[in-house]
Protein backbone atom coordinates (compact mmCIF):
# COMPACT_ATOMS: atom_id res chain seq x y z
CA MET A 1 30.47 -9.69 -106.04
CA MET A 2 33.40 -8.07 -105.32
CA ILE A 3 36.45 -10.41 -105.50
CA GLY A 4 37.54 -8.89 -101.77
CA ALA A 5 34.43 -11.01 -100.00
CA GLY A 6 35.94 -14.57 -101.09
CA VAL A 7 38.21 -13.77 -98.65
CA SER A 8 38.84 -16.15 -95.53
CA ARG A 9 38.90 -14.05 -92.47
CA TRP A 10 41.12 -16.28 -90.43
CA THR A 11 44.03 -17.81 -93.26
CA MET A 12 46.10 -15.00 -92.25
CA LEU A 13 46.12 -15.71 -88.85
CA HIS A 14 47.13 -19.33 -90.20
CA LEU A 15 49.69 -18.60 -92.11
CA GLY A 16 51.31 -15.71 -89.70
CA SER A 17 51.08 -18.48 -86.33
CA ALA A 18 52.34 -20.77 -89.28
CA VAL A 19 55.05 -19.15 -90.08
CA ILE A 20 56.30 -17.86 -86.28
CA ALA A 21 56.32 -21.70 -85.36
CA PHE A 22 58.37 -22.57 -87.99
CA LEU A 23 61.20 -19.94 -86.71
CA VAL A 24 60.75 -21.15 -83.68
CA ALA A 25 61.86 -24.63 -84.79
CA GLU A 26 64.70 -23.49 -87.23
CA THR A 27 65.79 -21.66 -83.80
CA LEU A 28 65.95 -24.52 -81.64
CA LEU A 29 68.17 -26.76 -84.91
CA ALA A 30 70.36 -23.58 -85.11
CA ALA A 31 70.15 -23.61 -81.30
CA GLY A 32 71.58 -27.15 -81.59
CA TYR A 33 68.92 -28.45 -78.73
CA ALA A 34 66.86 -30.18 -81.13
CA ASP A 35 69.48 -32.30 -83.06
CA PRO A 36 68.50 -34.64 -85.54
CA LEU A 37 71.31 -36.39 -85.44
CA ASP A 38 70.35 -37.73 -81.99
CA GLY A 39 67.44 -39.81 -83.60
CA LEU A 40 63.87 -38.72 -84.04
CA ARG A 41 62.35 -40.16 -80.73
CA ALA A 42 64.54 -37.60 -78.71
CA PRO A 43 62.82 -35.35 -77.20
CA ALA A 44 64.01 -32.61 -77.85
CA THR A 45 64.10 -33.44 -81.24
CA LEU A 46 60.17 -34.27 -81.41
CA VAL A 47 59.82 -30.83 -79.82
CA ALA A 48 61.38 -29.09 -83.32
CA VAL A 49 59.82 -31.76 -85.08
CA HIS A 50 55.71 -31.20 -83.65
CA LEU A 51 56.51 -27.33 -84.23
CA ILE A 52 57.25 -28.47 -88.11
CA THR A 53 54.28 -30.82 -88.73
CA ILE A 54 52.08 -29.45 -86.80
CA GLY A 55 52.80 -25.94 -86.06
CA TRP A 56 54.13 -24.73 -89.75
CA LEU A 57 52.70 -27.64 -92.27
CA SER A 58 49.65 -28.45 -90.80
CA LEU A 59 48.53 -24.71 -89.77
CA LEU A 60 49.93 -23.09 -93.07
CA MET A 61 48.06 -25.96 -94.98
CA LEU A 62 44.27 -25.53 -93.26
CA GLY A 63 44.69 -21.66 -94.10
CA ALA A 64 45.31 -22.50 -97.55
CA LEU A 65 42.88 -24.56 -97.82
CA TYR A 66 39.81 -22.56 -96.22
CA GLN A 67 40.96 -19.96 -99.29
CA PHE A 68 41.49 -22.16 -101.72
CA VAL A 69 38.84 -24.92 -101.39
CA PRO A 70 35.88 -22.41 -101.73
CA VAL A 71 38.06 -20.98 -105.03
CA ILE A 72 38.38 -24.45 -107.08
CA THR A 73 35.02 -25.59 -105.95
CA THR A 74 33.09 -21.79 -106.66
CA THR A 75 31.54 -21.78 -103.83
CA SER A 76 31.29 -20.12 -99.84
CA LEU A 77 33.68 -22.03 -97.04
CA PHE A 78 30.94 -24.08 -95.28
CA SER A 79 31.41 -22.63 -91.58
CA GLN A 80 33.52 -18.98 -90.71
CA ARG A 81 33.14 -20.29 -86.93
CA LEU A 82 34.60 -23.79 -87.11
CA PRO A 83 38.76 -22.05 -88.13
CA ILE A 84 39.58 -20.28 -85.18
CA LEU A 85 38.08 -23.07 -82.90
CA SER A 86 40.32 -25.44 -84.94
CA PHE A 87 42.79 -23.34 -84.63
CA CYS A 88 42.73 -22.46 -80.75
CA SER A 89 42.01 -26.09 -79.85
CA ILE A 90 45.57 -27.20 -82.47
CA VAL A 91 47.62 -24.27 -80.83
CA SER A 92 47.02 -25.09 -77.19
CA GLY A 93 47.33 -28.86 -78.09
CA LEU A 94 50.24 -28.41 -79.65
CA ALA A 95 51.55 -26.27 -76.79
CA ALA A 96 50.78 -29.08 -74.27
CA MET A 97 52.14 -31.91 -75.91
CA LEU A 98 55.58 -29.96 -76.15
CA VAL A 99 55.40 -29.54 -72.45
CA GLY A 100 55.04 -33.59 -72.60
CA PHE A 101 58.43 -33.87 -74.73
CA LEU A 102 59.97 -32.09 -72.33
CA ALA A 103 58.65 -34.15 -69.56
CA LEU A 104 59.69 -37.11 -71.27
CA ASP A 105 63.32 -34.88 -71.50
CA GLY A 106 63.20 -34.49 -67.34
CA VAL A 107 62.17 -30.92 -67.16
CA ALA A 108 60.99 -30.45 -63.72
CA TYR A 109 57.38 -28.91 -63.54
CA ALA A 110 56.52 -30.42 -66.82
CA HIS A 111 54.47 -34.19 -67.00
CA VAL A 112 53.71 -36.46 -69.19
CA ALA A 113 49.97 -36.47 -68.94
CA CYS A 114 50.28 -33.48 -70.96
CA LEU A 115 50.98 -35.85 -74.30
CA PRO A 116 47.79 -37.32 -74.19
CA ILE A 117 45.94 -33.99 -73.20
CA GLY A 118 47.63 -32.25 -76.45
CA GLY A 119 47.27 -35.07 -78.57
CA ALA A 120 43.43 -35.16 -77.81
CA LEU A 121 43.08 -30.96 -78.91
CA VAL A 122 44.85 -31.59 -82.00
CA LEU A 123 43.16 -34.36 -83.32
CA THR A 124 40.42 -32.26 -82.11
CA GLY A 125 41.31 -28.97 -84.12
CA PHE A 126 42.15 -31.48 -86.99
CA ILE A 127 38.45 -33.02 -87.17
CA LEU A 128 36.51 -29.31 -86.76
CA GLY A 129 39.18 -28.83 -89.88
CA ALA A 130 38.50 -31.40 -91.61
CA ILE A 131 34.83 -31.29 -91.58
CA ASN A 132 34.85 -27.70 -92.62
CA VAL A 133 36.73 -28.02 -95.76
CA ALA A 134 34.82 -31.91 -96.73
CA MET A 135 31.82 -30.30 -96.18
CA THR A 136 32.27 -27.37 -98.62
CA LEU A 137 33.56 -30.38 -100.74
CA TRP A 138 30.51 -32.42 -100.17
CA ARG A 139 28.30 -29.28 -101.45
CA ALA A 140 29.89 -29.12 -104.66
CA ARG A 141 30.00 -32.76 -105.95
CA PRO A 142 31.52 -33.10 -108.37
CA LEU A 143 34.83 -32.29 -107.75
CA PRO A 144 37.30 -31.08 -109.70
CA LEU A 145 40.54 -33.06 -109.81
CA PRO A 146 42.95 -30.74 -107.56
CA ALA A 147 39.77 -30.99 -104.89
CA VAL A 148 39.79 -34.93 -105.14
CA PHE A 149 43.12 -34.87 -104.01
CA VAL A 150 42.73 -32.66 -100.81
CA ALA A 151 39.70 -34.83 -99.85
CA PHE A 152 42.68 -38.34 -99.88
CA GLY A 153 44.72 -35.90 -97.75
CA LEU A 154 42.12 -34.87 -95.33
CA GLY A 155 41.37 -38.32 -94.41
CA PHE A 156 45.28 -38.82 -94.23
CA LEU A 157 45.21 -35.88 -91.52
CA LEU A 158 42.94 -37.76 -89.18
CA LEU A 159 44.75 -40.98 -89.88
CA THR A 160 48.15 -38.69 -88.28
CA GLY A 161 46.57 -36.89 -85.52
CA LEU A 162 45.12 -40.74 -84.22
CA ALA A 163 47.88 -42.38 -84.14
CA GLY A 164 49.38 -39.77 -82.71
CA LEU A 165 47.24 -40.02 -79.78
CA CYS A 166 48.02 -43.39 -79.83
CA PHE A 167 51.16 -42.96 -79.37
CA ALA A 168 51.00 -40.03 -77.07
CA LEU A 169 48.55 -42.67 -74.28
CA ALA A 170 51.18 -45.28 -74.41
CA PHE A 171 54.03 -42.39 -73.22
CA ALA A 172 51.64 -41.57 -70.48
CA LEU A 173 49.23 -44.86 -69.68
CA PRO A 174 50.83 -46.56 -66.37
CA ASN A 175 50.05 -49.97 -68.17
CA PRO A 176 49.07 -49.51 -71.45
CA PRO A 177 47.33 -52.06 -73.67
CA ARG A 178 49.74 -53.99 -75.59
CA PHE A 179 48.72 -53.28 -79.31
CA LEU A 180 49.65 -49.57 -78.05
CA LEU A 181 53.29 -50.86 -76.91
CA ALA A 182 53.58 -52.60 -79.91
CA LEU A 183 52.13 -49.77 -82.51
CA ALA A 184 54.63 -47.58 -80.16
CA GLY A 185 57.62 -49.01 -80.66
CA GLN A 186 57.13 -50.08 -84.14
CA GLY A 187 54.54 -47.85 -85.66
CA LEU A 188 56.33 -44.83 -86.37
CA LEU A 189 57.69 -44.53 -89.82
CA LEU A 190 53.48 -45.55 -90.67
CA HIS A 191 53.21 -42.03 -88.32
CA VAL A 192 55.15 -40.60 -90.95
CA VAL A 193 54.45 -42.08 -93.84
CA ALA A 194 50.63 -40.99 -93.09
CA GLY A 195 51.65 -37.12 -92.21
CA LEU A 196 54.69 -36.43 -94.53
CA GLY A 197 53.09 -38.96 -97.71
CA GLY A 198 49.08 -38.95 -96.77
CA TRP A 199 48.47 -35.19 -95.51
CA PHE A 200 51.32 -33.19 -96.68
CA THR A 201 52.38 -34.33 -99.47
CA LEU A 202 48.70 -35.65 -101.53
CA THR A 203 47.74 -31.57 -100.29
CA ALA A 204 50.30 -30.41 -101.71
CA MET A 205 49.83 -31.80 -104.78
CA GLY A 206 46.36 -31.10 -105.59
CA VAL A 207 47.10 -27.51 -104.55
CA SER A 208 49.82 -27.31 -106.55
CA TYR A 209 48.28 -28.76 -109.89
CA ARG A 210 45.60 -25.66 -109.74
CA LEU A 211 47.74 -22.71 -108.43
CA LEU A 212 50.56 -23.20 -110.86
CA SER A 213 48.71 -23.18 -113.76
CA MET A 214 47.03 -20.29 -112.94
CA PHE A 215 50.06 -18.62 -111.70
CA MET A 216 52.03 -19.56 -115.05
CA LEU A 217 48.71 -19.23 -117.44
CA ALA A 218 49.22 -22.73 -117.97
CA PRO A 219 46.80 -25.60 -119.60
CA ASP A 220 44.64 -26.72 -116.16
CA GLU A 221 42.81 -30.04 -117.57
CA PRO A 222 43.53 -33.14 -115.94
CA ARG A 223 45.45 -35.88 -118.34
CA PRO A 224 45.75 -39.76 -117.72
CA THR A 225 49.17 -39.01 -116.05
CA SER A 226 47.06 -36.71 -113.47
CA TYR A 227 44.34 -39.12 -112.48
CA ALA A 228 47.17 -41.83 -112.12
CA ALA A 229 48.98 -39.79 -110.19
CA LEU A 230 46.10 -40.14 -107.29
CA GLY A 231 45.55 -43.73 -107.34
CA LEU A 232 48.78 -44.52 -107.75
CA THR A 233 50.07 -42.14 -104.96
CA ALA A 234 47.08 -42.40 -102.49
CA GLY A 235 46.63 -46.48 -103.29
CA GLY A 236 49.66 -47.33 -102.52
CA LEU A 237 50.18 -44.97 -99.38
CA PHE A 238 47.10 -46.52 -98.05
CA LEU A 239 48.41 -50.53 -98.77
CA LEU A 240 51.62 -49.64 -96.97
CA ILE A 241 49.79 -48.20 -94.15
CA ALA A 242 47.58 -51.01 -93.71
CA SER A 243 49.22 -53.39 -93.86
CA GLY A 244 51.89 -52.11 -91.80
CA LEU A 245 49.74 -52.12 -89.33
CA PHE A 246 47.63 -54.79 -89.51
CA GLY A 247 51.56 -56.89 -89.66
CA ILE A 248 51.52 -55.08 -85.49
CA ALA A 249 48.25 -56.22 -84.90
CA ALA A 250 48.59 -60.04 -86.25
CA GLU A 251 52.46 -60.05 -85.11
CA HIS A 252 53.12 -60.98 -88.78
CA SER A 253 55.69 -59.01 -91.02
CA MET A 254 54.50 -57.36 -94.25
CA ALA A 255 57.20 -56.06 -95.86
CA ALA A 256 56.27 -57.63 -99.16
CA TYR A 257 52.94 -55.29 -98.90
CA GLU A 258 54.09 -52.26 -97.49
CA ALA A 259 57.23 -52.34 -100.41
CA ALA A 260 54.60 -52.56 -102.67
CA GLY A 261 52.28 -49.49 -101.43
CA ALA A 262 55.63 -47.71 -100.98
CA LEU A 263 56.50 -48.74 -105.15
CA MET A 264 53.53 -47.59 -105.88
CA ALA A 265 53.21 -44.20 -103.97
CA GLY A 266 56.63 -43.55 -105.59
CA THR A 267 55.13 -44.29 -108.97
CA GLY A 268 52.60 -42.10 -108.88
CA ALA A 269 54.50 -39.27 -107.60
CA ALA A 270 56.43 -39.89 -110.41
CA PHE A 271 53.29 -39.28 -112.60
CA TYR A 272 52.86 -35.70 -110.85
CA LEU A 273 56.18 -34.61 -111.53
CA ALA A 274 55.60 -35.39 -115.07
CA ASP A 275 52.53 -33.68 -115.14
CA ILE A 276 54.05 -30.45 -113.29
CA VAL A 277 57.14 -30.27 -115.88
CA HIS A 278 54.56 -29.73 -118.86
CA LEU A 279 53.16 -27.22 -117.02
CA TYR A 280 55.96 -25.83 -117.14
CA ARG A 281 56.56 -26.34 -120.38
CA ALA A 282 52.72 -24.98 -121.91
CA ARG A 283 53.12 -22.01 -119.53
CA LYS A 284 51.62 -18.92 -121.64
CA ARG A 285 53.87 -16.85 -119.20
CA ARG A 286 57.32 -17.01 -120.65
CA HIS A 287 58.87 -14.98 -117.48
CA LEU A 288 58.22 -16.85 -114.54
CA GLU A 289 57.74 -14.74 -111.30
CA LEU A 290 59.75 -15.93 -108.09
CA ASN A 291 57.16 -18.16 -106.43
CA SER A 292 56.75 -20.01 -109.55
CA ILE A 293 60.93 -20.17 -110.13
CA THR A 294 61.59 -21.37 -105.77
CA ALA A 295 58.57 -24.06 -106.51
CA ALA A 296 60.19 -25.54 -109.30
CA GLY A 297 63.26 -26.10 -106.97
CA ALA A 298 61.47 -27.05 -104.29
CA LEU A 299 60.15 -29.79 -107.02
CA ALA A 300 63.06 -30.46 -107.90
CA LEU A 301 64.33 -31.83 -104.31
CA PHE A 302 61.05 -33.35 -103.80
CA THR A 303 62.30 -35.31 -107.25
CA ALA A 304 65.80 -35.74 -105.70
CA ALA A 305 64.04 -36.71 -102.38
CA VAL A 306 61.61 -39.78 -103.97
CA ALA A 307 64.46 -41.11 -106.03
CA GLY A 308 66.95 -40.99 -103.04
CA SER A 309 64.42 -43.15 -101.32
CA GLY A 310 64.44 -45.70 -104.08
CA VAL A 311 68.27 -45.98 -104.30
CA ALA A 312 68.55 -46.25 -100.71
CA ALA A 313 65.82 -48.80 -100.61
CA ALA A 314 66.93 -50.74 -103.42
CA PHE A 315 70.76 -51.30 -101.82
CA GLY A 316 69.62 -51.81 -98.16
CA GLY A 317 70.52 -48.20 -96.56
CA LEU A 318 67.05 -46.36 -96.65
CA GLU A 319 67.52 -46.88 -92.57
CA ARG A 320 71.06 -45.31 -92.90
CA PHE A 321 69.79 -42.06 -94.86
CA ALA A 322 66.56 -41.30 -93.46
CA GLY A 323 67.30 -38.42 -91.38
CA ALA A 324 69.27 -36.98 -94.65
CA LEU A 325 66.04 -38.02 -96.84
CA GLY A 326 63.15 -37.13 -94.27
CA TYR A 327 65.37 -33.31 -93.66
CA LEU A 328 65.07 -33.11 -97.76
CA PHE A 329 61.78 -34.01 -98.03
CA VAL A 330 60.31 -31.74 -94.72
CA PHE A 331 62.78 -28.68 -95.29
CA GLY A 332 63.38 -29.29 -99.46
CA TRP A 333 59.89 -30.08 -100.57
CA LEU A 334 57.00 -29.26 -98.15
CA SER A 335 58.60 -26.43 -96.16
CA GLY A 336 60.67 -24.78 -99.76
CA LEU A 337 57.11 -25.03 -101.30
CA GLY A 338 54.80 -23.76 -98.57
CA LEU A 339 57.81 -20.53 -99.01
CA SER A 340 57.52 -20.16 -102.48
CA GLN A 341 53.79 -20.04 -102.47
CA LEU A 342 52.98 -17.02 -99.30
CA TYR A 343 55.26 -15.23 -101.23
CA LYS A 344 52.32 -15.13 -103.53
CA ILE A 345 49.59 -15.48 -101.20
CA VAL A 346 50.30 -13.02 -98.69
CA PRO A 347 51.05 -9.91 -100.92
CA PHE A 348 47.88 -11.50 -102.93
CA LEU A 349 45.77 -11.87 -99.90
CA THR A 350 46.72 -8.00 -98.96
CA TRP A 351 46.35 -6.60 -102.11
CA LEU A 352 42.30 -7.84 -102.06
CA GLU A 353 41.88 -6.56 -98.14
CA VAL A 354 43.79 -2.73 -99.22
CA PHE A 355 42.62 -2.47 -102.98
CA GLY A 356 39.74 -5.54 -104.08
CA LYS A 357 37.52 -2.55 -103.06
CA ARG A 358 38.95 0.40 -105.86
CA LEU A 359 38.49 -2.54 -108.53
CA GLY A 360 36.55 -0.72 -111.54
CA LYS A 361 36.77 3.32 -110.00
CA GLY A 362 40.16 3.69 -111.20
CA PRO A 363 43.97 2.01 -112.04
CA VAL A 364 45.27 -0.13 -108.72
CA PRO A 365 48.89 -1.13 -108.15
CA ARG A 366 49.42 -5.01 -109.58
CA VAL A 367 50.40 -7.59 -106.76
CA GLN A 368 53.81 -7.56 -108.16
CA ASP A 369 54.06 -4.13 -107.04
CA LEU A 370 53.64 -5.04 -103.01
CA VAL A 371 56.92 -6.91 -103.31
CA ASP A 372 60.81 -6.56 -104.43
CA GLU A 373 61.52 -9.98 -106.47
CA PRO A 374 65.54 -9.17 -106.90
CA ARG A 375 65.84 -8.07 -102.71
CA ALA A 376 63.90 -10.97 -102.14
CA ARG A 377 65.80 -13.36 -104.16
CA PRO A 378 68.70 -14.12 -102.75
CA TRP A 379 67.32 -15.15 -99.34
CA PHE A 380 65.10 -17.82 -101.42
CA ILE A 381 68.39 -19.51 -102.85
CA LEU A 382 70.00 -19.47 -99.36
CA TYR A 383 67.44 -20.88 -98.28
CA PHE A 384 67.74 -23.75 -100.45
CA ALA A 385 71.63 -24.18 -100.63
CA ALA A 386 71.38 -24.83 -96.37
CA VAL A 387 68.89 -27.51 -97.19
CA LEU A 388 71.05 -29.52 -99.04
CA LEU A 389 74.10 -28.62 -97.12
CA GLY A 390 71.94 -29.77 -93.85
CA THR A 391 71.32 -32.94 -95.91
CA ALA A 392 75.09 -33.50 -96.97
CA ALA A 393 75.25 -32.74 -93.36
CA LEU A 394 72.83 -35.70 -92.18
CA VAL A 395 74.71 -38.10 -94.52
CA PHE A 396 77.85 -37.93 -93.38
CA ALA A 397 77.19 -37.15 -89.95
CA SER A 398 78.53 -33.98 -89.33
CA ALA A 399 77.53 -32.07 -86.68
CA ILE A 400 78.98 -28.48 -87.03
CA LEU A 401 78.01 -28.67 -91.02
CA LEU A 402 74.46 -29.65 -89.50
CA ARG A 403 74.72 -26.54 -87.20
CA PHE A 404 76.29 -24.38 -90.21
CA ALA A 405 73.58 -25.53 -92.13
CA ALA A 406 70.17 -24.50 -89.86
CA VAL A 407 71.84 -20.82 -89.05
CA ALA A 408 71.91 -20.36 -92.55
CA GLN A 409 68.66 -21.81 -93.10
CA LEU A 410 67.20 -20.04 -90.03
CA VAL A 411 68.82 -16.62 -91.25
CA ALA A 412 67.34 -17.04 -94.78
CA THR A 413 63.71 -17.90 -93.38
CA GLY A 414 63.86 -14.97 -91.29
CA PHE A 415 64.72 -12.39 -93.84
CA ILE A 416 61.88 -14.31 -95.93
CA ALA A 417 59.18 -14.01 -93.06
CA LEU A 418 60.48 -10.00 -93.55
CA GLU A 419 60.00 -9.74 -97.02
CA LEU A 420 56.19 -11.15 -96.29
CA TRP A 421 56.05 -8.93 -93.03
CA ARG A 422 56.44 -5.88 -95.51
CA ALA A 423 54.28 -7.34 -97.94
CA ARG A 424 51.32 -6.86 -95.58
CA ARG A 425 52.03 -3.59 -95.07
CA PRO A 426 51.44 -1.35 -98.73
CA ASP A 427 51.18 1.99 -98.75
CA PRO A 428 47.15 2.81 -99.51
CA ASN A 429 47.77 5.82 -102.23
CA ALA A 430 51.54 4.71 -103.20
CA ALA A 431 50.78 5.48 -107.49
CA PRO A 432 49.91 3.07 -109.37
CA LYS A 433 53.11 1.73 -111.35
CA PRO A 434 51.85 1.12 -115.37
CA MET A 435 50.21 -2.49 -115.39
CA GLY A 436 50.54 -5.18 -118.26
CA GLN A 437 48.82 -8.39 -118.63
CA GLY A 438 48.93 -10.19 -115.17
CA ALA A 439 48.04 -13.11 -114.30
CA PRO A 440 44.26 -14.62 -113.19
CA LEU A 441 43.19 -13.67 -109.41
CA PRO A 442 43.96 -17.32 -107.87
CA PHE A 443 42.74 -16.89 -104.37
CA ALA A 444 38.73 -15.06 -105.26
CA ARG A 445 35.95 -15.89 -107.17
CA PRO A 446 35.78 -14.93 -110.80
CA ILE A 447 35.13 -11.72 -111.19
CA PRO A 448 31.67 -10.88 -113.23
CA PRO A 449 32.05 -9.34 -117.21
CA SER A 450 31.59 -5.21 -115.84
CA ASN A 451 34.22 -5.70 -112.97
CA ARG A 452 37.07 -7.09 -115.08
CA SER A 453 38.00 -3.56 -116.52
CA THR A 454 41.00 -3.52 -114.53
CA HIS A 455 43.03 -6.83 -112.19
CA GLY A 456 46.07 -6.34 -110.10
CA GLY A 457 47.39 -9.72 -111.32
């Protein structure tokens, strides 16, 4: 079987749309329209936040999973039709939600009823995407550990979407039920935890376990700490969210249980980070490619965000520093990891499309021949530096410094996107360069022995 048969037809659509949404959100931050200093509930801030969480991170995750899950389960995707239906539902729902947020901001010709309509469409898209991935996982039982992380992440995805729809109904209904009002007033943190911690982080953990081991030729056998990372992180997040929801419904403080859940999740994250350090130390590929180096930067910022949250909570300053920690978490950890892996995924999928059919028929360029690391490296450095500057600006509540950081971050992301665009347009007749020992093909099914004489890692 040719490895090109393992390429998902909708992955690049999701990834390209995700990058566009990210650039739009960063433009709103750089222009000052969306200002994190105004608080998370400000309508303009909500526009940027949902462009990032739904348009950027969710489309990125789903697009990657359509390619990644069939690989780690050695099976085919359950449906090739559901991804486009899910995509259209999510994108149209996000557009409606943005109109609803503009209505909250007093924009004429926008109506707040667009919020529940958009929320329902986004949730429908999430359900369709989750069904597709879940059915693929179900057919591949027993699951490898990275796939179990993904399965738990899907559960939190649906919980996040459902909570978002509840918030939208609380805003739009003329007489919302008492529980919806209480949830809208007190449950925002639970919505954020389910999305950032459950859906994005658990999924990113599972994917990174497999991808980083393949990219760096590191041992991929699960360790006891790997199972501890899954159980503690997923269990802690569930305890935090469940106790919070019960407290809202019963009008009773569940702070002790919420703190216990947060502590469990933080401990699970620590086990995960220890595993990743082990992967970097045990790798056989001594020379790291740019995607692995920048992934290490994102992981370092994840460490800083988790440790910072623990210290702030211990000293009673979590609410004060929540904005800065959230900025570091979203832009440093999740977005930084996303950009770093796109720098490998996009050229690899492009390589499969352009050169995959030539395998076994003669020498072909390597995946790394489709990118220019020295040209891209400064933009990744600028991106991470801008994230750190933006985090500092939120700590010190400096609007000028925050605007400067947002502009620098936008510039860096724009040039990284340009590198991805260049990687998508290789010369199909380019002369192959000398080929050394490359990495395994991470986003395709295993190649039969007869086809392994030449590859493009």
